[in-house]
Amino acid sequence: MSARIDRTLAALADPYRRRAVELLGQRPRSAGELAGELGLAAPAMSRHLRALKAGGLVEDSHPVFDARVRIYSLKDGATAELKQWLAETEALWTHQLAAFKAHVEGGGE
């Protein structure tokens, strides 16, 4: 497994961060909006957003009207490598379980 997948999984390990990703999947939001919807204090939300950025899942931008505000959004293609790994792992398990089933149903011959 690559270091990128490790970082992505580490970022998604927290339920608040997974919920933030779900919310950002609907539309970009400010940290304050996310904190309000998740019921978190601003410093806690900031830590979660830093972890999501470090995991390569989100990016931020400044709206033209106010450079002090950061708007967070999901990063395009951020989960592509994770999705590929999951698909390969699923295929491996499907094959292994089918072989095990055939072995058990065949009487172990």
PDB file of N, CA and C in Angstrom:
ATOM      1  N   MET A   1       0.861  -1.173   0.000  1.00  0.00           N
ATOM      2  CA  MET A   1       0.000   0.000   0.000  1.00  0.00           C
ATOM      3  C   MET A   1       0.908   1.236   0.000  1.00  0.00           C
ATOM      4  N   SER A   2       0.518   2.234  -0.745  1.00  0.00           N
ATOM      5  CA  SER A   2       1.356   3.421  -0.865  1.00  0.00           C
ATOM      6  C   SER A   2       1.175   4.363   0.330  1.00  0.00           C
ATOM      7  N   ALA A   3       2.117   5.256   0.485  1.00  0.00           N
ATOM      8  CA  ALA A   3       2.058   6.251   1.558  1.00  0.00           C
ATOM      9  C   ALA A   3       0.848   7.172   1.373  1.00  0.00           C
ATOM     10  N   ARG A   4       0.483   7.439   0.129  1.00  0.00           N
ATOM     11  CA  ARG A   4      -0.683   8.299  -0.136  1.00  0.00           C
ATOM     12  C   ARG A   4      -1.966   7.647   0.389  1.00  0.00           C
ATOM     13  N   ILE A   5      -2.130   6.368   0.150  1.00  0.00           N
ATOM     14  CA  ILE A   5      -3.305   5.651   0.647  1.00  0.00           C
ATOM     15  C   ILE A   5      -3.297   5.640   2.174  1.00  0.00           C
ATOM     16  N   ASP A   6      -2.126   5.443   2.771  1.00  0.00           N
ATOM     17  CA  ASP A   6      -2.016   5.474   4.228  1.00  0.00           C
ATOM     18  C   ASP A   6      -2.478   6.825   4.778  1.00  0.00           C
ATOM     19  N   ARG A   7      -2.033   7.914   4.140  1.00  0.00           N
ATOM     20  CA  ARG A   7      -2.437   9.267   4.590  1.00  0.00           C
ATOM     21  C   ARG A   7      -3.938   9.471   4.424  1.00  0.00           C
ATOM     22  N   THR A   8      -4.483   8.992   3.311  1.00  0.00           N
ATOM     23  CA  THR A   8      -5.923   9.140   3.061  1.00  0.00           C
ATOM     24  C   THR A   8      -6.727   8.382   4.108  1.00  0.00           C
ATOM     25  N   LEU A   9      -6.340   7.137   4.370  1.00  0.00           N
ATOM     26  CA  LEU A   9      -7.051   6.344   5.366  1.00  0.00           C
ATOM     27  C   LEU A   9      -6.910   6.939   6.765  1.00  0.00           C
ATOM     28  N   ALA A  10      -5.736   7.458   7.086  1.00  0.00           N
ATOM     29  CA  ALA A  10      -5.542   8.092   8.396  1.00  0.00           C
ATOM     30  C   ALA A  10      -6.448   9.316   8.534  1.00  0.00           C
ATOM     31  N   ALA A  11      -6.562  10.085   7.461  1.00  0.00           N
ATOM     32  CA  ALA A  11      -7.426  11.277   7.497  1.00  0.00           C
ATOM     33  C   ALA A  11      -8.885  10.885   7.655  1.00  0.00           C
ATOM     34  N   LEU A  12      -9.278   9.771   7.079  1.00  0.00           N
ATOM     35  CA  LEU A  12     -10.681   9.328   7.136  1.00  0.00           C
ATOM     36  C   LEU A  12     -10.993   8.492   8.382  1.00  0.00           C
ATOM     37  N   ALA A  13     -10.008   8.267   9.227  1.00  0.00           N
ATOM     38  CA  ALA A  13     -10.207   7.414  10.403  1.00  0.00           C
ATOM     39  C   ALA A  13     -11.129   8.048  11.440  1.00  0.00           C
ATOM     40  N   ASP A  14     -11.248   9.353  11.427  1.00  0.00           N
ATOM     41  CA  ASP A  14     -12.071  10.049  12.413  1.00  0.00           C
ATOM     42  C   ASP A  14     -13.485  10.278  11.885  1.00  0.00           C
ATOM     43  N   PRO A  15     -14.512   9.985  12.679  1.00  0.00           N
ATOM     44  CA  PRO A  15     -15.893  10.168  12.196  1.00  0.00           C
ATOM     45  C   PRO A  15     -16.248  11.626  11.870  1.00  0.00           C
ATOM     46  N   TYR A  16     -15.681  12.585  12.576  1.00  0.00           N
ATOM     47  CA  TYR A  16     -15.947  13.990  12.248  1.00  0.00           C
ATOM     48  C   TYR A  16     -15.371  14.343  10.881  1.00  0.00           C
ATOM     49  N   ARG A  17     -14.183  13.807  10.594  1.00  0.00           N
ATOM     50  CA  ARG A  17     -13.580  14.094   9.290  1.00  0.00           C
ATOM     51  C   ARG A  17     -14.354  13.417   8.173  1.00  0.00           C
ATOM     52  N   ARG A  18     -14.837  12.198   8.407  1.00  0.00           N
ATOM     53  CA  ARG A  18     -15.653  11.542   7.379  1.00  0.00           C
ATOM     54  C   ARG A  18     -16.932  12.331   7.127  1.00  0.00           C
ATOM     55  N   ARG A  19     -17.551  12.840   8.177  1.00  0.00           N
ATOM     56  CA  ARG A  19     -18.774  13.636   8.016  1.00  0.00           C
ATOM     57  C   ARG A  19     -18.456  14.942   7.291  1.00  0.00           C
ATOM     58  N   ALA A  20     -17.302  15.558   7.597  1.00  0.00           N
ATOM     59  CA  ALA A  20     -16.901  16.786   6.893  1.00  0.00           C
ATOM     60  C   ALA A  20     -16.736  16.511   5.404  1.00  0.00           C
ATOM     61  N   VAL A  21     -16.156  15.367   5.057  1.00  0.00           N
ATOM     62  CA  VAL A  21     -15.998  15.001   3.643  1.00  0.00           C
ATOM     63  C   VAL A  21     -17.373  14.841   2.996  1.00  0.00           C
ATOM     64  N   GLU A  22     -18.308  14.214   3.707  1.00  0.00           N
ATOM     65  CA  GLU A  22     -19.668  14.071   3.169  1.00  0.00           C
ATOM     66  C   GLU A  22     -20.291  15.442   2.917  1.00  0.00           C
ATOM     67  N   LEU A  23     -20.140  16.354   3.867  1.00  0.00           N
ATOM     68  CA  LEU A  23     -20.710  17.697   3.706  1.00  0.00           C
ATOM     69  C   LEU A  23     -20.054  18.443   2.549  1.00  0.00           C
ATOM     70  N   LEU A  24     -18.730  18.309   2.438  1.00  0.00           N
ATOM     71  CA  LEU A  24     -18.032  18.982   1.338  1.00  0.00           C
ATOM     72  C   LEU A  24     -18.374  18.349  -0.005  1.00  0.00           C
ATOM     73  N   GLY A  25     -18.815  17.110   0.008  1.00  0.00           N
ATOM     74  CA  GLY A  25     -19.269  16.466  -1.221  1.00  0.00           C
ATOM     75  C   GLY A  25     -20.541  17.107  -1.753  1.00  0.00           C
ATOM     76  N   GLN A  26     -21.308  17.723  -0.879  1.00  0.00           N
ATOM     77  CA  GLN A  26     -22.528  18.414  -1.283  1.00  0.00           C
ATOM     78  C   GLN A  26     -22.212  19.772  -1.903  1.00  0.00           C
ATOM     79  N   ARG A  27     -21.270  20.496  -1.266  1.00  0.00           N
ATOM     80  CA  ARG A  27     -20.856  21.814  -1.770  1.00  0.00           C
ATOM     81  C   ARG A  27     -19.695  22.324  -0.923  1.00  0.00           C
ATOM     82  N   PRO A  28     -18.888  23.224  -1.468  1.00  0.00           N
ATOM     83  CA  PRO A  28     -17.817  23.830  -0.671  1.00  0.00           C
ATOM     84  C   PRO A  28     -18.403  24.618   0.500  1.00  0.00           C
ATOM     85  N   ARG A  29     -17.628  24.686   1.582  1.00  0.00           N
ATOM     86  CA  ARG A  29     -18.085  25.394   2.787  1.00  0.00           C
ATOM     87  C   ARG A  29     -16.905  26.038   3.503  1.00  0.00           C
ATOM     88  N   SER A  30     -17.224  27.010   4.328  1.00  0.00           N
ATOM     89  CA  SER A  30     -16.195  27.616   5.179  1.00  0.00           C
ATOM     90  C   SER A  30     -15.979  26.730   6.403  1.00  0.00           C
ATOM     91  N   ALA A  31     -14.879  26.953   7.095  1.00  0.00           N
ATOM     92  CA  ALA A  31     -14.603  26.195   8.314  1.00  0.00           C
ATOM     93  C   ALA A  31     -15.699  26.443   9.348  1.00  0.00           C
ATOM     94  N   GLY A  32     -16.179  27.670   9.428  1.00  0.00           N
ATOM     95  CA  GLY A  32     -17.236  27.997  10.373  1.00  0.00           C
ATOM     96  C   GLY A  32     -18.525  27.247  10.089  1.00  0.00           C
ATOM     97  N   GLU A  33     -18.872  27.130   8.808  1.00  0.00           N
ATOM     98  CA  GLU A  33     -20.069  26.363   8.435  1.00  0.00           C
ATOM     99  C   GLU A  33     -19.919  24.899   8.829  1.00  0.00           C
ATOM    100  N   LEU A  34     -18.758  24.336   8.535  1.00  0.00           N
ATOM    101  CA  LEU A  34     -18.512  22.937   8.876  1.00  0.00           C
ATOM    102  C   LEU A  34     -18.567  22.735  10.384  1.00  0.00           C
ATOM    103  N   ALA A  35     -17.919  23.626  11.119  1.00  0.00           N
ATOM    104  CA  ALA A  35     -17.920  23.509  12.579  1.00  0.00           C
ATOM    105  C   ALA A  35     -19.342  23.562  13.120  1.00  0.00           C
ATOM    106  N   GLY A  36     -20.152  24.479  12.601  1.00  0.00           N
ATOM    107  CA  GLY A  36     -21.530  24.596  13.051  1.00  0.00           C
ATOM    108  C   GLY A  36     -22.335  23.342  12.762  1.00  0.00           C
ATOM    109  N   GLU A  37     -22.169  22.787  11.576  1.00  0.00           N
ATOM    110  CA  GLU A  37     -22.935  21.601  11.198  1.00  0.00           C
ATOM    111  C   GLU A  37     -22.476  20.352  11.947  1.00  0.00           C
ATOM    112  N   LEU A  38     -21.203  20.339  12.337  1.00  0.00           N
ATOM    113  CA  LEU A  38     -20.671  19.181  13.055  1.00  0.00           C
ATOM    114  C   LEU A  38     -20.732  19.354  14.568  1.00  0.00           C
ATOM    115  N   GLY A  39     -21.087  20.548  15.019  1.00  0.00           N
ATOM    116  CA  GLY A  39     -21.147  20.800  16.457  1.00  0.00           C
ATOM    117  C   GLY A  39     -19.784  20.838  17.112  1.00  0.00           C
ATOM    118  N   LEU A  40     -18.794  21.351  16.394  1.00  0.00           N
ATOM    119  CA  LEU A  40     -17.424  21.426  16.908  1.00  0.00           C
ATOM    120  C   LEU A  40     -17.015  22.866  17.159  1.00  0.00           C
ATOM    121  N   ALA A  41     -16.098  23.063  18.086  1.00  0.00           N
ATOM    122  CA  ALA A  41     -15.489  24.365  18.305  1.00  0.00           C
ATOM    123  C   ALA A  41     -14.530  24.650  17.150  1.00  0.00           C
ATOM    124  N   ALA A  42     -14.294  25.924  16.891  1.00  0.00           N
ATOM    125  CA  ALA A  42     -13.427  26.321  15.777  1.00  0.00           C
ATOM    126  C   ALA A  42     -12.037  25.675  15.827  1.00  0.00           C
ATOM    127  N   PRO A  43     -11.361  25.645  16.987  1.00  0.00           N
ATOM    128  CA  PRO A  43     -10.029  25.011  17.000  1.00  0.00           C
ATOM    129  C   PRO A  43     -10.070  23.531  16.628  1.00  0.00           C
ATOM    130  N   ALA A  44     -11.103  22.822  17.074  1.00  0.00           N
ATOM    131  CA  ALA A  44     -11.220  21.400  16.733  1.00  0.00           C
ATOM    132  C   ALA A  44     -11.450  21.233  15.232  1.00  0.00           C
ATOM    133  N   MET A  45     -12.309  22.074  14.667  1.00  0.00           N
ATOM    134  CA  MET A  45     -12.568  22.000  13.227  1.00  0.00           C
ATOM    135  C   MET A  45     -11.301  22.296  12.446  1.00  0.00           C
ATOM    136  N   SER A  46     -10.536  23.256  12.913  1.00  0.00           N
ATOM    137  CA  SER A  46      -9.283  23.606  12.256  1.00  0.00           C
ATOM    138  C   SER A  46      -8.322  22.415  12.236  1.00  0.00           C
ATOM    139  N   ARG A  47      -8.235  21.697  13.352  1.00  0.00           N
ATOM    140  CA  ARG A  47      -7.367  20.508  13.406  1.00  0.00           C
ATOM    141  C   ARG A  47      -7.844  19.447  12.423  1.00  0.00           C
ATOM    142  N   HIS A  48      -9.160  19.241  12.347  1.00  0.00           N
ATOM    143  CA  HIS A  48      -9.690  18.247  11.417  1.00  0.00           C
ATOM    144  C   HIS A  48      -9.432  18.647   9.965  1.00  0.00           C
ATOM    145  N   LEU A  49      -9.589  19.923   9.658  1.00  0.00           N
ATOM    146  CA  LEU A  49      -9.331  20.384   8.286  1.00  0.00           C
ATOM    147  C   LEU A  49      -7.859  20.251   7.929  1.00  0.00           C
ATOM    148  N   ARG A  50      -6.967  20.511   8.881  1.00  0.00           N
ATOM    149  CA  ARG A  50      -5.537  20.311   8.629  1.00  0.00           C
ATOM    150  C   ARG A  50      -5.246  18.842   8.315  1.00  0.00           C
ATOM    151  N   ALA A  51      -5.887  17.939   9.063  1.00  0.00           N
ATOM    152  CA  ALA A  51      -5.684  16.504   8.818  1.00  0.00           C
ATOM    153  C   ALA A  51      -6.221  16.109   7.442  1.00  0.00           C
ATOM    154  N   LEU A  52      -7.361  16.656   7.054  1.00  0.00           N
ATOM    155  CA  LEU A  52      -7.924  16.354   5.730  1.00  0.00           C
ATOM    156  C   LEU A  52      -7.055  16.909   4.614  1.00  0.00           C
ATOM    157  N   LYS A  53      -6.472  18.091   4.832  1.00  0.00           N
ATOM    158  CA  LYS A  53      -5.548  18.650   3.831  1.00  0.00           C
ATOM    159  C   LYS A  53      -4.285  17.805   3.750  1.00  0.00           C
ATOM    160  N   ALA A  54      -3.755  17.400   4.898  1.00  0.00           N
ATOM    161  CA  ALA A  54      -2.548  16.571   4.912  1.00  0.00           C
ATOM    162  C   ALA A  54      -2.810  15.225   4.236  1.00  0.00           C
ATOM    163  N   GLY A  55      -4.035  14.740   4.350  1.00  0.00           N
ATOM    164  CA  GLY A  55      -4.408  13.488   3.691  1.00  0.00           C
ATOM    165  C   GLY A  55      -4.692  13.652   2.219  1.00  0.00           C
ATOM    166  N   GLY A  56      -4.620  14.896   1.729  1.00  0.00           N
ATOM    167  CA  GLY A  56      -4.822  15.160   0.308  1.00  0.00           C
ATOM    168  C   GLY A  56      -6.271  15.136  -0.137  1.00  0.00           C
ATOM    169  N   LEU A  57      -7.195  15.244   0.825  1.00  0.00           N
ATOM    170  CA  LEU A  57      -8.616  15.132   0.492  1.00  0.00           C
ATOM    171  C   LEU A  57      -9.299  16.459   0.221  1.00  0.00           C
ATOM    172  N   VAL A  58      -8.865  17.517   0.875  1.00  0.00           N
ATOM    173  CA  VAL A  58      -9.513  18.819   0.697  1.00  0.00           C
ATOM    174  C   VAL A  58      -8.478  19.875   0.330  1.00  0.00           C
ATOM    175  N   GLU A  59      -8.987  20.940  -0.245  1.00  0.00           N
ATOM    176  CA  GLU A  59      -8.171  22.113  -0.557  1.00  0.00           C
ATOM    177  C   GLU A  59      -8.967  23.336  -0.167  1.00  0.00           C
ATOM    178  N   ASP A  60      -8.268  24.442  -0.018  1.00  0.00           N
ATOM    179  CA  ASP A  60      -8.969  25.664   0.347  1.00  0.00           C
ATOM    180  C   ASP A  60      -8.658  26.775  -0.640  1.00  0.00           C
ATOM    181  N   SER A  61      -9.558  27.722  -0.681  1.00  0.00           N
ATOM    182  CA  SER A  61      -9.381  28.893  -1.542  1.00  0.00           C
ATOM    183  C   SER A  61      -9.967  30.088  -0.812  1.00  0.00           C
ATOM    184  N   HIS A  62      -9.613  31.261  -1.279  1.00  0.00           N
ATOM    185  CA  HIS A  62     -10.133  32.500  -0.705  1.00  0.00           C
ATOM    186  C   HIS A  62     -11.108  33.125  -1.695  1.00  0.00           C
ATOM    187  N   PRO A  63     -12.313  33.471  -1.233  1.00  0.00           N
ATOM    188  CA  PRO A  63     -13.223  34.163  -2.146  1.00  0.00           C
ATOM    189  C   PRO A  63     -12.680  35.554  -2.485  1.00  0.00           C
ATOM    190  N   VAL A  64     -13.026  36.029  -3.641  1.00  0.00           N
ATOM    191  CA  VAL A  64     -12.537  37.325  -4.113  1.00  0.00           C
ATOM    192  C   VAL A  64     -12.929  38.454  -3.163  1.00  0.00           C
ATOM    193  N   PHE A  65     -14.096  38.345  -2.568  1.00  0.00           N
ATOM    194  CA  PHE A  65     -14.613  39.436  -1.741  1.00  0.00           C
ATOM    195  C   PHE A  65     -13.987  39.525  -0.357  1.00  0.00           C
ATOM    196  N   ASP A  66     -13.289  38.443   0.121  1.00  0.00           N
ATOM    197  CA  ASP A  66     -12.720  38.490   1.466  1.00  0.00           C
ATOM    198  C   ASP A  66     -11.577  37.489   1.584  1.00  0.00           C
ATOM    199  N   ALA A  67     -10.359  37.982   1.556  1.00  0.00           N
ATOM    200  CA  ALA A  67      -9.183  37.114   1.610  1.00  0.00           C
ATOM    201  C   ALA A  67      -8.995  36.476   2.981  1.00  0.00           C
ATOM    202  N   ARG A  68      -9.720  36.932   3.993  1.00  0.00           N
ATOM    203  CA  ARG A  68      -9.600  36.352   5.337  1.00  0.00           C
ATOM    204  C   ARG A  68     -10.369  35.041   5.458  1.00  0.00           C
ATOM    205  N   VAL A  69     -11.318  34.818   4.578  1.00  0.00           N
ATOM    206  CA  VAL A  69     -12.165  33.628   4.632  1.00  0.00           C
ATOM    207  C   VAL A  69     -11.564  32.533   3.761  1.00  0.00           C
ATOM    208  N   ARG A  70     -11.609  31.324   4.257  1.00  0.00           N
ATOM    209  CA  ARG A  70     -11.183  30.174   3.465  1.00  0.00           C
ATOM    210  C   ARG A  70     -12.403  29.318   3.185  1.00  0.00           C
ATOM    211  N   ILE A  71     -12.524  28.928   1.941  1.00  0.00           N
ATOM    212  CA  ILE A  71     -13.594  28.029   1.534  1.00  0.00           C
ATOM    213  C   ILE A  71     -12.955  26.682   1.217  1.00  0.00           C
ATOM    214  N   TYR A  72     -13.452  25.640   1.854  1.00  0.00           N
ATOM    215  CA  TYR A  72     -12.914  24.297   1.686  1.00  0.00           C
ATOM    216  C   TYR A  72     -13.765  23.506   0.708  1.00  0.00           C
ATOM    217  N   SER A  73     -13.097  22.710  -0.102  1.00  0.00           N
ATOM    218  CA  SER A  73     -13.785  21.843  -1.063  1.00  0.00           C
ATOM    219  C   SER A  73     -12.993  20.553  -1.200  1.00  0.00           C
ATOM    220  N   LEU A  74     -13.660  19.538  -1.734  1.00  0.00           N
ATOM    221  CA  LEU A  74     -12.972  18.278  -1.975  1.00  0.00           C
ATOM    222  C   LEU A  74     -11.995  18.455  -3.124  1.00  0.00           C
ATOM    223  N   LYS A  75     -10.864  17.822  -3.010  1.00  0.00           N
ATOM    224  CA  LYS A  75      -9.833  17.898  -4.035  1.00  0.00           C
ATOM    225  C   LYS A  75     -10.149  16.877  -5.125  1.00  0.00           C
ATOM    226  N   ASP A  76     -10.167  17.324  -6.373  1.00  0.00           N
ATOM    227  CA  ASP A  76     -10.453  16.433  -7.499  1.00  0.00           C
ATOM    228  C   ASP A  76      -9.460  15.269  -7.536  1.00  0.00           C
ATOM    229  N   GLY A  77     -10.000  14.082  -7.704  1.00  0.00           N
ATOM    230  CA  GLY A  77      -9.156  12.896  -7.843  1.00  0.00           C
ATOM    231  C   GLY A  77      -8.463  12.443  -6.575  1.00  0.00           C
ATOM    232  N   ALA A  78      -8.832  13.016  -5.442  1.00  0.00           N
ATOM    233  CA  ALA A  78      -8.131  12.715  -4.190  1.00  0.00           C
ATOM    234  C   ALA A  78      -8.256  11.258  -3.764  1.00  0.00           C
ATOM    235  N   THR A  79      -9.337  10.617  -4.133  1.00  0.00           N
ATOM    236  CA  THR A  79      -9.544   9.233  -3.690  1.00  0.00           C
ATOM    237  C   THR A  79      -9.325   8.205  -4.798  1.00  0.00           C
ATOM    238  N   ALA A  80      -8.802   8.614  -5.930  1.00  0.00           N
ATOM    239  CA  ALA A  80      -8.635   7.696  -7.065  1.00  0.00           C
ATOM    240  C   ALA A  80      -7.748   6.503  -6.712  1.00  0.00           C
ATOM    241  N   GLU A  81      -6.613   6.765  -6.086  1.00  0.00           N
ATOM    242  CA  GLU A  81      -5.698   5.676  -5.742  1.00  0.00           C
ATOM    243  C   GLU A  81      -6.324   4.755  -4.688  1.00  0.00           C
ATOM    244  N   LEU A  82      -7.045   5.332  -3.723  1.00  0.00           N
ATOM    245  CA  LEU A  82      -7.725   4.539  -2.706  1.00  0.00           C
ATOM    246  C   LEU A  82      -8.804   3.667  -3.345  1.00  0.00           C
ATOM    247  N   LYS A  83      -9.573   4.233  -4.268  1.00  0.00           N
ATOM    248  CA  LYS A  83     -10.614   3.459  -4.947  1.00  0.00           C
ATOM    249  C   LYS A  83     -10.016   2.290  -5.726  1.00  0.00           C
ATOM    250  N   GLN A  84      -8.893   2.524  -6.384  1.00  0.00           N
ATOM    251  CA  GLN A  84      -8.242   1.452  -7.142  1.00  0.00           C
ATOM    252  C   GLN A  84      -7.782   0.341  -6.196  1.00  0.00           C
ATOM    253  N   TRP A  85      -7.162   0.717  -5.075  1.00  0.00           N
ATOM    254  CA  TRP A  85      -6.704  -0.259  -4.105  1.00  0.00           C
ATOM    255  C   TRP A  85      -7.874  -1.061  -3.552  1.00  0.00           C
ATOM    256  N   LEU A  86      -8.983  -0.379  -3.238  1.00  0.00           N
ATOM    257  CA  LEU A  86     -10.166  -1.071  -2.726  1.00  0.00           C
ATOM    258  C   LEU A  86     -10.732  -2.047  -3.753  1.00  0.00           C
ATOM    259  N   ALA A  87     -10.778  -1.649  -5.010  1.00  0.00           N
ATOM    260  CA  ALA A  87     -11.287  -2.530  -6.067  1.00  0.00           C
ATOM    261  C   ALA A  87     -10.400  -3.768  -6.202  1.00  0.00           C
ATOM    262  N   GLU A  88      -9.084  -3.573  -6.161  1.00  0.00           N
ATOM    263  CA  GLU A  88      -8.161  -4.704  -6.268  1.00  0.00           C
ATOM    264  C   GLU A  88      -8.290  -5.626  -5.062  1.00  0.00           C
ATOM    265  N   THR A  89      -8.441  -5.042  -3.880  1.00  0.00           N
ATOM    266  CA  THR A  89      -8.595  -5.831  -2.656  1.00  0.00           C
ATOM    267  C   THR A  89      -9.904  -6.602  -2.678  1.00  0.00           C
ATOM    268  N   GLU A  90     -10.980  -5.963  -3.145  1.00  0.00           N
ATOM    269  CA  GLU A  90     -12.265  -6.638  -3.250  1.00  0.00           C
ATOM    270  C   GLU A  90     -12.183  -7.813  -4.221  1.00  0.00           C
ATOM    271  N   ALA A  91     -11.519  -7.618  -5.348  1.00  0.00           N
ATOM    272  CA  ALA A  91     -11.371  -8.694  -6.333  1.00  0.00           C
ATOM    273  C   ALA A  91     -10.585  -9.860  -5.743  1.00  0.00           C
ATOM    274  N   LEU A  92      -9.537  -9.562  -4.994  1.00  0.00           N
ATOM    275  CA  LEU A  92      -8.741 -10.604  -4.345  1.00  0.00           C
ATOM    276  C   LEU A  92      -9.602 -11.406  -3.372  1.00  0.00           C
ATOM    277  N   TRP A  93     -10.351 -10.696  -2.515  1.00  0.00           N
ATOM    278  CA  TRP A  93     -11.201 -11.387  -1.549  1.00  0.00           C
ATOM    279  C   TRP A  93     -12.309 -12.179  -2.238  1.00  0.00           C
ATOM    280  N   THR A  94     -12.876 -11.641  -3.273  1.00  0.00           N
ATOM    281  CA  THR A  94     -13.926 -12.359  -4.005  1.00  0.00           C
ATOM    282  C   THR A  94     -13.377 -13.664  -4.553  1.00  0.00           C
ATOM    283  N   HIS A  95     -12.196 -13.598  -5.131  1.00  0.00           N
ATOM    284  CA  HIS A  95     -11.553 -14.801  -5.671  1.00  0.00           C
ATOM    285  C   HIS A  95     -11.245 -15.802  -4.548  1.00  0.00           C
ATOM    286  N   GLN A  96     -10.665 -15.312  -3.448  1.00  0.00           N
ATOM    287  CA  GLN A  96     -10.301 -16.192  -2.333  1.00  0.00           C
ATOM    288  C   GLN A  96     -11.530 -16.863  -1.721  1.00  0.00           C
ATOM    289  N   LEU A  97     -12.602 -16.098  -1.539  1.00  0.00           N
ATOM    290  CA  LEU A  97     -13.812 -16.659  -0.948  1.00  0.00           C
ATOM    291  C   LEU A  97     -14.491 -17.645  -1.887  1.00  0.00           C
ATOM    292  N   ALA A  98     -14.458 -17.373  -3.184  1.00  0.00           N
ATOM    293  CA  ALA A  98     -15.035 -18.313  -4.147  1.00  0.00           C
ATOM    294  C   ALA A  98     -14.252 -19.622  -4.133  1.00  0.00           C
ATOM    295  N   ALA A  99     -12.939 -19.536  -4.043  1.00  0.00           N
ATOM    296  CA  ALA A  99     -12.107 -20.746  -3.992  1.00  0.00           C
ATOM    297  C   ALA A  99     -12.373 -21.511  -2.695  1.00  0.00           C
ATOM    298  N   PHE A 100     -12.529 -20.804  -1.590  1.00  0.00           N
ATOM    299  CA  PHE A 100     -12.823 -21.454  -0.312  1.00  0.00           C
ATOM    300  C   PHE A 100     -14.178 -22.147  -0.357  1.00  0.00           C
ATOM    301  N   LYS A 101     -15.181 -21.453  -0.925  1.00  0.00           N
ATOM    302  CA  LYS A 101     -16.521 -22.037  -1.050  1.00  0.00           C
ATOM    303  C   LYS A 101     -16.455 -23.316  -1.892  1.00  0.00           C
ATOM    304  N   ALA A 102     -15.760 -23.263  -3.008  1.00  0.00           N
ATOM    305  CA  ALA A 102     -15.633 -24.444  -3.875  1.00  0.00           C
ATOM    306  C   ALA A 102     -14.953 -25.591  -3.123  1.00  0.00           C
ATOM    307  N   HIS A 103     -13.960 -25.272  -2.327  1.00  0.00           N
ATOM    308  CA  HIS A 103     -13.241 -26.276  -1.544  1.00  0.00           C
ATOM    309  C   HIS A 103     -14.172 -26.921  -0.511  1.00  0.00           C
ATOM    310  N   VAL A 104     -14.937 -26.086   0.204  1.00  0.00           N
ATOM    311  CA  VAL A 104     -15.838 -26.594   1.239  1.00  0.00           C
ATOM    312  C   VAL A 104     -16.965 -27.413   0.620  1.00  0.00           C
ATOM    313  N   GLU A 105     -17.557 -26.908  -0.444  1.00  0.00           N
ATOM    314  CA  GLU A 105     -18.666 -27.622  -1.088  1.00  0.00           C
ATOM    315  C   GLU A 105     -18.193 -28.887  -1.788  1.00  0.00           C
ATOM    316  N   GLY A 106     -16.913 -28.927  -2.147  1.00  0.00           N
ATOM    317  CA  GLY A 106     -16.370 -30.116  -2.813  1.00  0.00           C
ATOM    318  C   GLY A 106     -15.930 -31.171  -1.824  1.00  0.00           C
ATOM    319  N   GLY A 107     -16.097 -30.892  -0.539  1.00  0.00           N
ATOM    320  CA  GLY A 107     -15.718 -31.879   0.477  1.00  0.00           C
ATOM    321  C   GLY A 107     -14.257 -31.849   0.826  1.00  0.00           C
ATOM    322  N   GLY A 108     -13.576 -30.799   0.388  1.00  0.00           N
ATOM    323  CA  GLY A 108     -12.181 -30.651   0.760  1.00  0.00           C
ATOM    324  C   GLY A 108     -11.246 -31.515  -0.043  1.00  0.00           C
ATOM    325  N   GLU A 109     -11.700 -32.030  -1.151  1.00  0.00           N
ATOM    326  CA  GLU A 109     -10.869 -32.918  -1.972  1.00  0.00           C
ATOM    327  C   GLU A 109      -9.793 -32.177  -2.691  1.00  0.00           C
TER     328      GLU A 109
END
